[in-house]
Amino acid sequence: MTENRCGEIEAHMRMEERYEGLSLIFGDHPELKEEILGVVKEVKEETGLAPFIFDKVSNDRPDIQAIYLEFQEDVHRDAGDFFERILRKLKIDHCETDL
């Protein structure tokens, strides 16, 4: 990977039994939000998977705008590949792990 965009888009991963979540915090940059949603759409088409997608909007804290992707009842752990594709296409080389 030639470019690391972790400074633009902050990624957080959370995994529990049969649950996986990825949050992509893009701050007050609507162009990054559109790019993220475009990549999510592309990966959904590639994989046939459809995570729950939440859009976090904060009127008082525009710096913490985010897109959340969640897989529940992910028995076969298909979400891992889905999230890796998202991160690769967005050129994010690492995530923060939430405890």
PDB file of N, CA and C in Angstrom:
ATOM      1  N   MET A   1       0.853  -1.163   0.000  1.00  0.00           N
ATOM      2  CA  MET A   1       0.000   0.000   0.000  1.00  0.00           C
ATOM      3  C   MET A   1       0.901   1.227   0.000  1.00  0.00           C
ATOM      4  N   THR A   2       0.659   2.126  -0.921  1.00  0.00           N
ATOM      5  CA  THR A   2       1.549   3.261  -1.061  1.00  0.00           C
ATOM      6  C   THR A   2       1.148   4.449  -0.204  1.00  0.00           C
ATOM      7  N   GLU A   3      -0.091   4.528   0.169  1.00  0.00           N
ATOM      8  CA  GLU A   3      -0.568   5.680   0.917  1.00  0.00           C
ATOM      9  C   GLU A   3      -1.312   5.199   2.156  1.00  0.00           C
ATOM     10  N   ASN A   4      -1.081   5.851   3.272  1.00  0.00           N
ATOM     11  CA  ASN A   4      -1.776   5.524   4.514  1.00  0.00           C
ATOM     12  C   ASN A   4      -2.733   6.662   4.817  1.00  0.00           C
ATOM     13  N   ARG A   5      -4.039   6.375   4.833  1.00  0.00           N
ATOM     14  CA  ARG A   5      -5.043   7.417   5.031  1.00  0.00           C
ATOM     15  C   ARG A   5      -5.623   7.407   6.436  1.00  0.00           C
ATOM     16  N   CYS A   6      -4.912   6.792   7.382  1.00  0.00           N
ATOM     17  CA  CYS A   6      -5.419   6.715   8.750  1.00  0.00           C
ATOM     18  C   CYS A   6      -5.604   8.097   9.367  1.00  0.00           C
ATOM     19  N   GLY A   7      -4.878   9.093   8.898  1.00  0.00           N
ATOM     20  CA  GLY A   7      -5.053  10.446   9.396  1.00  0.00           C
ATOM     21  C   GLY A   7      -6.328  11.108   8.899  1.00  0.00           C
ATOM     22  N   GLU A   8      -6.853  10.637   7.775  1.00  0.00           N
ATOM     23  CA  GLU A   8      -8.089  11.182   7.208  1.00  0.00           C
ATOM     24  C   GLU A   8      -9.319  10.424   7.689  1.00  0.00           C
ATOM     25  N   ILE A   9      -9.200   9.097   7.688  1.00  0.00           N
ATOM     26  CA  ILE A   9     -10.304   8.229   8.086  1.00  0.00           C
ATOM     27  C   ILE A   9      -9.795   7.334   9.208  1.00  0.00           C
ATOM     28  N   GLU A  10     -10.395   7.471  10.375  1.00  0.00           N
ATOM     29  CA  GLU A  10      -9.987   6.680  11.534  1.00  0.00           C
ATOM     30  C   GLU A  10     -10.881   5.447  11.621  1.00  0.00           C
ATOM     31  N   ALA A  11     -10.270   4.278  11.589  1.00  0.00           N
ATOM     32  CA  ALA A  11     -11.029   3.024  11.598  1.00  0.00           C
ATOM     33  C   ALA A  11     -10.929   2.349  12.963  1.00  0.00           C
ATOM     34  N   HIS A  12     -12.068   1.855  13.430  1.00  0.00           N
ATOM     35  CA  HIS A  12     -12.130   1.108  14.691  1.00  0.00           C
ATOM     36  C   HIS A  12     -12.839  -0.210  14.434  1.00  0.00           C
ATOM     37  N   MET A  13     -12.262  -1.292  14.914  1.00  0.00           N
ATOM     38  CA  MET A  13     -12.830  -2.633  14.747  1.00  0.00           C
ATOM     39  C   MET A  13     -13.276  -3.147  16.098  1.00  0.00           C
ATOM     40  N   ARG A  14     -14.415  -3.813  16.103  1.00  0.00           N
ATOM     41  CA  ARG A  14     -14.906  -4.445  17.324  1.00  0.00           C
ATOM     42  C   ARG A  14     -15.419  -5.834  16.964  1.00  0.00           C
ATOM     43  N   MET A  15     -14.932  -6.835  17.691  1.00  0.00           N
ATOM     44  CA  MET A  15     -15.353  -8.213  17.439  1.00  0.00           C
ATOM     45  C   MET A  15     -15.763  -8.875  18.738  1.00  0.00           C
ATOM     46  N   GLU A  16     -16.868  -9.545  18.682  1.00  0.00           N
ATOM     47  CA  GLU A  16     -17.360 -10.352  19.788  1.00  0.00           C
ATOM     48  C   GLU A  16     -17.855 -11.660  19.184  1.00  0.00           C
ATOM     49  N   GLU A  17     -18.322 -12.535  20.011  1.00  0.00           N
ATOM     50  CA  GLU A  17     -18.844 -13.794  19.497  1.00  0.00           C
ATOM     51  C   GLU A  17     -20.024 -13.522  18.569  1.00  0.00           C
ATOM     52  N   ARG A  18     -19.882 -13.926  17.315  1.00  0.00           N
ATOM     53  CA  ARG A  18     -20.917 -13.816  16.286  1.00  0.00           C
ATOM     54  C   ARG A  18     -21.277 -12.377  15.945  1.00  0.00           C
ATOM     55  N   TYR A  19     -20.418 -11.427  16.272  1.00  0.00           N
ATOM     56  CA  TYR A  19     -20.648 -10.019  15.955  1.00  0.00           C
ATOM     57  C   TYR A  19     -19.328  -9.393  15.529  1.00  0.00           C
ATOM     58  N   GLU A  20     -19.380  -8.588  14.479  1.00  0.00           N
ATOM     59  CA  GLU A  20     -18.217  -7.816  14.057  1.00  0.00           C
ATOM     60  C   GLU A  20     -18.690  -6.446  13.616  1.00  0.00           C
ATOM     61  N   GLY A  21     -17.945  -5.422  14.006  1.00  0.00           N
ATOM     62  CA  GLY A  21     -18.300  -4.065  13.631  1.00  0.00           C
ATOM     63  C   GLY A  21     -17.086  -3.265  13.217  1.00  0.00           C
ATOM     64  N   LEU A  22     -17.295  -2.355  12.294  1.00  0.00           N
ATOM     65  CA  LEU A  22     -16.244  -1.458  11.826  1.00  0.00           C
ATOM     66  C   LEU A  22     -16.824  -0.050  11.802  1.00  0.00           C
ATOM     67  N   SER A  23     -16.153   0.883  12.452  1.00  0.00           N
ATOM     68  CA  SER A  23     -16.560   2.278  12.358  1.00  0.00           C
ATOM     69  C   SER A  23     -15.479   3.048  11.607  1.00  0.00           C
ATOM     70  N   LEU A  24     -15.924   3.909  10.744  1.00  0.00           N
ATOM     71  CA  LEU A  24     -15.035   4.733   9.929  1.00  0.00           C
ATOM     72  C   LEU A  24     -15.371   6.194  10.220  1.00  0.00           C
ATOM     73  N   ILE A  25     -14.509   6.840  10.991  1.00  0.00           N
ATOM     74  CA  ILE A  25     -14.728   8.218  11.406  1.00  0.00           C
ATOM     75  C   ILE A  25     -14.047   9.133  10.398  1.00  0.00           C
ATOM     76  N   PHE A  26     -14.831   9.995   9.781  1.00  0.00           N
ATOM     77  CA  PHE A  26     -14.297  10.848   8.718  1.00  0.00           C
ATOM     78  C   PHE A  26     -14.349  12.329   9.059  1.00  0.00           C
ATOM     79  N   GLY A  27     -14.855  12.675  10.240  1.00  0.00           N
ATOM     80  CA  GLY A  27     -14.876  14.071  10.663  1.00  0.00           C
ATOM     81  C   GLY A  27     -15.814  14.924   9.837  1.00  0.00           C
ATOM     82  N   ASP A  28     -15.494  16.170   9.727  1.00  0.00           N
ATOM     83  CA  ASP A  28     -16.338  17.138   9.024  1.00  0.00           C
ATOM     84  C   ASP A  28     -15.921  17.236   7.550  1.00  0.00           C
ATOM     85  N   HIS A  29     -15.940  16.077   6.865  1.00  0.00           N
ATOM     86  CA  HIS A  29     -15.502  16.009   5.467  1.00  0.00           C
ATOM     87  C   HIS A  29     -16.516  15.199   4.658  1.00  0.00           C
ATOM     88  N   PRO A  30     -17.565  15.850   4.164  1.00  0.00           N
ATOM     89  CA  PRO A  30     -18.614  15.123   3.437  1.00  0.00           C
ATOM     90  C   PRO A  30     -18.108  14.371   2.216  1.00  0.00           C
ATOM     91  N   GLU A  31     -17.018  14.835   1.610  1.00  0.00           N
ATOM     92  CA  GLU A  31     -16.471  14.119   0.454  1.00  0.00           C
ATOM     93  C   GLU A  31     -15.929  12.749   0.859  1.00  0.00           C
ATOM     94  N   LEU A  32     -15.385  12.634   2.079  1.00  0.00           N
ATOM     95  CA  LEU A  32     -14.913  11.333   2.568  1.00  0.00           C
ATOM     96  C   LEU A  32     -16.094  10.410   2.844  1.00  0.00           C
ATOM     97  N   LYS A  33     -17.175  10.964   3.353  1.00  0.00           N
ATOM     98  CA  LYS A  33     -18.382  10.168   3.595  1.00  0.00           C
ATOM     99  C   LYS A  33     -18.868   9.564   2.292  1.00  0.00           C
ATOM    100  N   GLU A  34     -18.939  10.355   1.240  1.00  0.00           N
ATOM    101  CA  GLU A  34     -19.396   9.851  -0.061  1.00  0.00           C
ATOM    102  C   GLU A  34     -18.454   8.777  -0.596  1.00  0.00           C
ATOM    103  N   GLU A  35     -17.154   8.973  -0.404  1.00  0.00           N
ATOM    104  CA  GLU A  35     -16.183   7.969  -0.845  1.00  0.00           C
ATOM    105  C   GLU A  35     -16.385   6.665  -0.080  1.00  0.00           C
ATOM    106  N   ILE A  36     -16.561   6.751   1.232  1.00  0.00           N
ATOM    107  CA  ILE A  36     -16.783   5.554   2.057  1.00  0.00           C
ATOM    108  C   ILE A  36     -18.037   4.818   1.605  1.00  0.00           C
ATOM    109  N   LEU A  37     -19.126   5.546   1.429  1.00  0.00           N
ATOM    110  CA  LEU A  37     -20.382   4.908   1.014  1.00  0.00           C
ATOM    111  C   LEU A  37     -20.253   4.267  -0.367  1.00  0.00           C
ATOM    112  N   GLY A  38     -19.492   4.894  -1.255  1.00  0.00           N
ATOM    113  CA  GLY A  38     -19.256   4.309  -2.580  1.00  0.00           C
ATOM    114  C   GLY A  38     -18.478   3.004  -2.489  1.00  0.00           C
ATOM    115  N   VAL A  39     -17.457   2.972  -1.640  1.00  0.00           N
ATOM    116  CA  VAL A  39     -16.661   1.757  -1.454  1.00  0.00           C
ATOM    117  C   VAL A  39     -17.507   0.658  -0.818  1.00  0.00           C
ATOM    118  N   VAL A  40     -18.333   1.021   0.158  1.00  0.00           N
ATOM    119  CA  VAL A  40     -19.209   0.032   0.799  1.00  0.00           C
ATOM    120  C   VAL A  40     -20.150  -0.581  -0.237  1.00  0.00           C
ATOM    121  N   LYS A  41     -20.729   0.250  -1.086  1.00  0.00           N
ATOM    122  CA  LYS A  41     -21.624  -0.247  -2.139  1.00  0.00           C
ATOM    123  C   LYS A  41     -20.885  -1.209  -3.070  1.00  0.00           C
ATOM    124  N   GLU A  42     -19.674  -0.835  -3.443  1.00  0.00           N
ATOM    125  CA  GLU A  42     -18.852  -1.663  -4.339  1.00  0.00           C
ATOM    126  C   GLU A  42     -18.561  -3.034  -3.706  1.00  0.00           C
ATOM    127  N   VAL A  43     -18.182  -3.039  -2.433  1.00  0.00           N
ATOM    128  CA  VAL A  43     -17.839  -4.297  -1.760  1.00  0.00           C
ATOM    129  C   VAL A  43     -19.098  -5.143  -1.535  1.00  0.00           C
ATOM    130  N   LYS A  44     -20.224  -4.506  -1.278  1.00  0.00           N
ATOM    131  CA  LYS A  44     -21.482  -5.250  -1.161  1.00  0.00           C
ATOM    132  C   LYS A  44     -21.778  -5.987  -2.463  1.00  0.00           C
ATOM    133  N   GLU A  45     -21.576  -5.303  -3.591  1.00  0.00           N
ATOM    134  CA  GLU A  45     -21.809  -5.926  -4.902  1.00  0.00           C
ATOM    135  C   GLU A  45     -20.821  -7.056  -5.162  1.00  0.00           C
ATOM    136  N   GLU A  46     -19.571  -6.889  -4.770  1.00  0.00           N
ATOM    137  CA  GLU A  46     -18.542  -7.918  -4.979  1.00  0.00           C
ATOM    138  C   GLU A  46     -18.803  -9.171  -4.155  1.00  0.00           C
ATOM    139  N   THR A  47     -19.248  -8.981  -2.922  1.00  0.00           N
ATOM    140  CA  THR A  47     -19.345 -10.108  -1.991  1.00  0.00           C
ATOM    141  C   THR A  47     -20.747 -10.669  -1.824  1.00  0.00           C
ATOM    142  N   GLY A  48     -21.764  -9.885  -2.149  1.00  0.00           N
ATOM    143  CA  GLY A  48     -23.135 -10.308  -1.908  1.00  0.00           C
ATOM    144  C   GLY A  48     -23.543 -10.186  -0.451  1.00  0.00           C
ATOM    145  N   LEU A  49     -22.680  -9.607   0.377  1.00  0.00           N
ATOM    146  CA  LEU A  49     -22.975  -9.432   1.793  1.00  0.00           C
ATOM    147  C   LEU A  49     -23.611  -8.067   2.027  1.00  0.00           C
ATOM    148  N   ALA A  50     -24.438  -7.993   3.054  1.00  0.00           N
ATOM    149  CA  ALA A  50     -25.129  -6.735   3.346  1.00  0.00           C
ATOM    150  C   ALA A  50     -25.098  -6.453   4.845  1.00  0.00           C
ATOM    151  N   PRO A  51     -24.110  -5.701   5.293  1.00  0.00           N
ATOM    152  CA  PRO A  51     -24.048  -5.359   6.716  1.00  0.00           C
ATOM    153  C   PRO A  51     -25.120  -4.326   7.068  1.00  0.00           C
ATOM    154  N   PHE A  52     -25.381  -4.193   8.353  1.00  0.00           N
ATOM    155  CA  PHE A  52     -26.181  -3.079   8.831  1.00  0.00           C
ATOM    156  C   PHE A  52     -25.296  -1.847   8.699  1.00  0.00           C
ATOM    157  N   ILE A  53     -25.841  -0.746   8.199  1.00  0.00           N
ATOM    158  CA  ILE A  53     -25.069   0.471   7.998  1.00  0.00           C
ATOM    159  C   ILE A  53     -25.752   1.595   8.766  1.00  0.00           C
ATOM    160  N   PHE A  54     -24.983   2.243   9.629  1.00  0.00           N
ATOM    161  CA  PHE A  54     -25.479   3.356  10.427  1.00  0.00           C
ATOM    162  C   PHE A  54     -24.656   4.589  10.102  1.00  0.00           C
ATOM    163  N   ASP A  55     -25.311   5.696  10.007  1.00  0.00           N
ATOM    164  CA  ASP A  55     -24.668   6.968   9.719  1.00  0.00           C
ATOM    165  C   ASP A  55     -24.751   7.814  10.992  1.00  0.00           C
ATOM    166  N   LYS A  56     -23.617   8.097  11.601  1.00  0.00           N
ATOM    167  CA  LYS A  56     -23.610   8.912  12.823  1.00  0.00           C
ATOM    168  C   LYS A  56     -23.445  10.374  12.434  1.00  0.00           C
ATOM    169  N   VAL A  57     -24.430  11.163  12.784  1.00  0.00           N
ATOM    170  CA  VAL A  57     -24.406  12.594  12.521  1.00  0.00           C
ATOM    171  C   VAL A  57     -24.429  13.302  13.862  1.00  0.00           C
ATOM    172  N   SER A  58     -23.541  14.255  14.032  1.00  0.00           N
ATOM    173  CA  SER A  58     -23.491  15.017  15.275  1.00  0.00           C
ATOM    174  C   SER A  58     -23.474  16.498  14.929  1.00  0.00           C
ATOM    175  N   ASN A  59     -24.576  17.178  15.240  1.00  0.00           N
ATOM    176  CA  ASN A  59     -24.652  18.602  14.938  1.00  0.00           C
ATOM    177  C   ASN A  59     -23.726  19.433  15.816  1.00  0.00           C
ATOM    178  N   ASP A  60     -23.508  18.998  17.052  1.00  0.00           N
ATOM    179  CA  ASP A  60     -22.647  19.765  17.951  1.00  0.00           C
ATOM    180  C   ASP A  60     -21.184  19.356  17.874  1.00  0.00           C
ATOM    181  N   ARG A  61     -20.885  18.194  17.281  1.00  0.00           N
ATOM    182  CA  ARG A  61     -19.494  17.733  17.130  1.00  0.00           C
ATOM    183  C   ARG A  61     -19.264  17.212  15.712  1.00  0.00           C
ATOM    184  N   PRO A  62     -19.150  18.096  14.719  1.00  0.00           N
ATOM    185  CA  PRO A  62     -18.971  17.636  13.343  1.00  0.00           C
ATOM    186  C   PRO A  62     -17.682  16.860  13.126  1.00  0.00           C
ATOM    187  N   ASP A  63     -16.729  16.957  14.059  1.00  0.00           N
ATOM    188  CA  ASP A  63     -15.456  16.249  13.919  1.00  0.00           C
ATOM    189  C   ASP A  63     -15.592  14.747  14.151  1.00  0.00           C
ATOM    190  N   ILE A  64     -16.731  14.288  14.670  1.00  0.00           N
ATOM    191  CA  ILE A  64     -16.870  12.851  14.950  1.00  0.00           C
ATOM    192  C   ILE A  64     -17.913  12.175  14.056  1.00  0.00           C
ATOM    193  N   GLN A  65     -18.167  12.723  12.885  1.00  0.00           N
ATOM    194  CA  GLN A  65     -19.078  12.088  11.925  1.00  0.00           C
ATOM    195  C   GLN A  65     -18.500  10.721  11.549  1.00  0.00           C
ATOM    196  N   ALA A  66     -19.379   9.713  11.414  1.00  0.00           N
ATOM    197  CA  ALA A  66     -18.879   8.361  11.139  1.00  0.00           C
ATOM    198  C   ALA A  66     -19.919   7.507  10.428  1.00  0.00           C
ATOM    199  N   ILE A  67     -19.414   6.470   9.780  1.00  0.00           N
ATOM    200  CA  ILE A  67     -20.231   5.404   9.208  1.00  0.00           C
ATOM    201  C   ILE A  67     -19.891   4.143   9.992  1.00  0.00           C
ATOM    202  N   TYR A  68     -20.917   3.437  10.451  1.00  0.00           N
ATOM    203  CA  TYR A  68     -20.742   2.189  11.184  1.00  0.00           C
ATOM    204  C   TYR A  68     -21.271   1.039  10.347  1.00  0.00           C
ATOM    205  N   LEU A  69     -20.492  -0.034  10.268  1.00  0.00           N
ATOM    206  CA  LEU A  69     -20.896  -1.253   9.569  1.00  0.00           C
ATOM    207  C   LEU A  69     -20.911  -2.378  10.581  1.00  0.00           C
ATOM    208  N   GLU A  70     -21.997  -3.145  10.620  1.00  0.00           N
ATOM    209  CA  GLU A  70     -22.105  -4.236  11.591  1.00  0.00           C
ATOM    210  C   GLU A  70     -22.640  -5.496  10.937  1.00  0.00           C
ATOM    211  N   PHE A  71     -22.081  -6.599  11.375  1.00  0.00           N
ATOM    212  CA  PHE A  71     -22.609  -7.921  11.037  1.00  0.00           C
ATOM    213  C   PHE A  71     -22.996  -8.591  12.341  1.00  0.00           C
ATOM    214  N   GLN A  72     -24.241  -9.030  12.444  1.00  0.00           N
ATOM    215  CA  GLN A  72     -24.704  -9.758  13.613  1.00  0.00           C
ATOM    216  C   GLN A  72     -24.971 -11.193  13.190  1.00  0.00           C
ATOM    217  N   GLU A  73     -24.807 -12.096  14.107  1.00  0.00           N
ATOM    218  CA  GLU A  73     -24.981 -13.529  13.819  1.00  0.00           C
ATOM    219  C   GLU A  73     -24.040 -13.978  12.706  1.00  0.00           C
ATOM    220  N   ASP A  74     -22.817 -13.491  12.738  1.00  0.00           N
ATOM    221  CA  ASP A  74     -21.802 -13.812  11.717  1.00  0.00           C
ATOM    222  C   ASP A  74     -21.088 -15.102  12.100  1.00  0.00           C
ATOM    223  N   VAL A  75     -21.798 -16.200  11.993  1.00  0.00           N
ATOM    224  CA  VAL A  75     -21.296 -17.505  12.401  1.00  0.00           C
ATOM    225  C   VAL A  75     -20.055 -17.912  11.600  1.00  0.00           C
ATOM    226  N   HIS A  76     -20.049 -17.628  10.314  1.00  0.00           N
ATOM    227  CA  HIS A  76     -18.952 -18.056   9.443  1.00  0.00           C
ATOM    228  C   HIS A  76     -17.844 -17.021   9.300  1.00  0.00           C
ATOM    229  N   ARG A  77     -17.953 -15.929  10.036  1.00  0.00           N
ATOM    230  CA  ARG A  77     -16.934 -14.871  10.032  1.00  0.00           C
ATOM    231  C   ARG A  77     -16.676 -14.303   8.635  1.00  0.00           C
ATOM    232  N   ASP A  78     -17.748 -14.124   7.865  1.00  0.00           N
ATOM    233  CA  ASP A  78     -17.630 -13.532   6.535  1.00  0.00           C
ATOM    234  C   ASP A  78     -17.276 -12.048   6.595  1.00  0.00           C
ATOM    235  N   ALA A  79     -17.561 -11.415   7.710  1.00  0.00           N
ATOM    236  CA  ALA A  79     -17.335  -9.977   7.847  1.00  0.00           C
ATOM    237  C   ALA A  79     -15.859  -9.621   7.727  1.00  0.00           C
ATOM    238  N   GLY A  80     -14.984 -10.489   8.170  1.00  0.00           N
ATOM    239  CA  GLY A  80     -13.550 -10.196   8.117  1.00  0.00           C
ATOM    240  C   GLY A  80     -13.089  -9.846   6.721  1.00  0.00           C
ATOM    241  N   ASP A  81     -13.453 -10.658   5.738  1.00  0.00           N
ATOM    242  CA  ASP A  81     -13.077 -10.394   4.349  1.00  0.00           C
ATOM    243  C   ASP A  81     -13.731  -9.103   3.855  1.00  0.00           C
ATOM    244  N   PHE A  82     -14.983  -8.902   4.220  1.00  0.00           N
ATOM    245  CA  PHE A  82     -15.704  -7.700   3.815  1.00  0.00           C
ATOM    246  C   PHE A  82     -14.974  -6.452   4.320  1.00  0.00           C
ATOM    247  N   PHE A  83     -14.637  -6.447   5.616  1.00  0.00           N
ATOM    248  CA  PHE A  83     -13.958  -5.300   6.202  1.00  0.00           C
ATOM    249  C   PHE A  83     -12.565  -5.100   5.615  1.00  0.00           C
ATOM    250  N   GLU A  84     -11.843  -6.188   5.358  1.00  0.00           N
ATOM    251  CA  GLU A  84     -10.515  -6.066   4.750  1.00  0.00           C
ATOM    252  C   GLU A  84     -10.598  -5.408   3.384  1.00  0.00           C
ATOM    253  N   ARG A  85     -11.595  -5.788   2.604  1.00  0.00           N
ATOM    254  CA  ARG A  85     -11.771  -5.173   1.280  1.00  0.00           C
ATOM    255  C   ARG A  85     -12.050  -3.673   1.405  1.00  0.00           C
ATOM    256  N   ILE A  86     -12.906  -3.314   2.367  1.00  0.00           N
ATOM    257  CA  ILE A  86     -13.224  -1.898   2.596  1.00  0.00           C
ATOM    258  C   ILE A  86     -11.947  -1.128   2.924  1.00  0.00           C
ATOM    259  N   LEU A  87     -11.197  -1.634   3.885  1.00  0.00           N
ATOM    260  CA  LEU A  87      -9.978  -0.942   4.326  1.00  0.00           C
ATOM    261  C   LEU A  87      -8.953  -0.845   3.207  1.00  0.00           C
ATOM    262  N   ARG A  88      -8.797  -1.913   2.442  1.00  0.00           N
ATOM    263  CA  ARG A  88      -7.828  -1.909   1.336  1.00  0.00           C
ATOM    264  C   ARG A  88      -8.210  -0.861   0.291  1.00  0.00           C
ATOM    265  N   LYS A  89      -9.486  -0.819  -0.074  1.00  0.00           N
ATOM    266  CA  LYS A  89      -9.931   0.135  -1.095  1.00  0.00           C
ATOM    267  C   LYS A  89      -9.835   1.583  -0.611  1.00  0.00           C
ATOM    268  N   LEU A  90     -10.003   1.789   0.693  1.00  0.00           N
ATOM    269  CA  LEU A  90      -9.876   3.138   1.255  1.00  0.00           C
ATOM    270  C   LEU A  90      -8.432   3.487   1.603  1.00  0.00           C
ATOM    271  N   LYS A  91      -7.527   2.534   1.407  1.00  0.00           N
ATOM    272  CA  LYS A  91      -6.091   2.713   1.691  1.00  0.00           C
ATOM    273  C   LYS A  91      -5.834   3.015   3.164  1.00  0.00           C
ATOM    274  N   ILE A  92      -6.523   2.261   4.019  1.00  0.00           N
ATOM    275  CA  ILE A  92      -6.314   2.352   5.465  1.00  0.00           C
ATOM    276  C   ILE A  92      -5.537   1.115   5.863  1.00  0.00           C
ATOM    277  N   ASP A  93      -4.355   1.294   6.440  1.00  0.00           N
ATOM    278  CA  ASP A  93      -3.504   0.130   6.698  1.00  0.00           C
ATOM    279  C   ASP A  93      -3.599  -0.431   8.115  1.00  0.00           C
ATOM    280  N   HIS A  94      -4.356   0.211   9.011  1.00  0.00           N
ATOM    281  CA  HIS A  94      -4.553  -0.386  10.330  1.00  0.00           C
ATOM    282  C   HIS A  94      -5.791   0.202  11.002  1.00  0.00           C
ATOM    283  N   CYS A  95      -6.296  -0.519  11.971  1.00  0.00           N
ATOM    284  CA  CYS A  95      -7.474  -0.104  12.732  1.00  0.00           C
ATOM    285  C   CYS A  95      -7.114  -0.023  14.202  1.00  0.00           C
ATOM    286  N   GLU A  96      -7.890   0.756  14.901  1.00  0.00           N
ATOM    287  CA  GLU A  96      -7.832   0.755  16.356  1.00  0.00           C
ATOM    288  C   GLU A  96      -8.817  -0.324  16.813  1.00  0.00           C
ATOM    289  N   THR A  97      -8.439  -1.087  17.794  1.00  0.00           N
ATOM    290  CA  THR A  97      -9.336  -2.121  18.319  1.00  0.00           C
ATOM    291  C   THR A  97     -10.009  -1.596  19.558  1.00  0.00           C
ATOM    292  N   ASP A  98     -11.329  -1.617  19.554  1.00  0.00           N
ATOM    293  CA  ASP A  98     -12.074  -1.164  20.723  1.00  0.00           C
ATOM    294  C   ASP A  98     -12.236  -2.329  21.662  1.00  0.00           C
ATOM    295  N   LEU A  99     -12.060  -2.077  22.948  1.00  0.00           N
ATOM    296  CA  LEU A  99     -12.192  -3.124  23.951  1.00  0.00           C
ATOM    297  C   LEU A  99     -13.602  -3.168  24.487  1.00  0.00           C
TER     298      LEU A  99
END
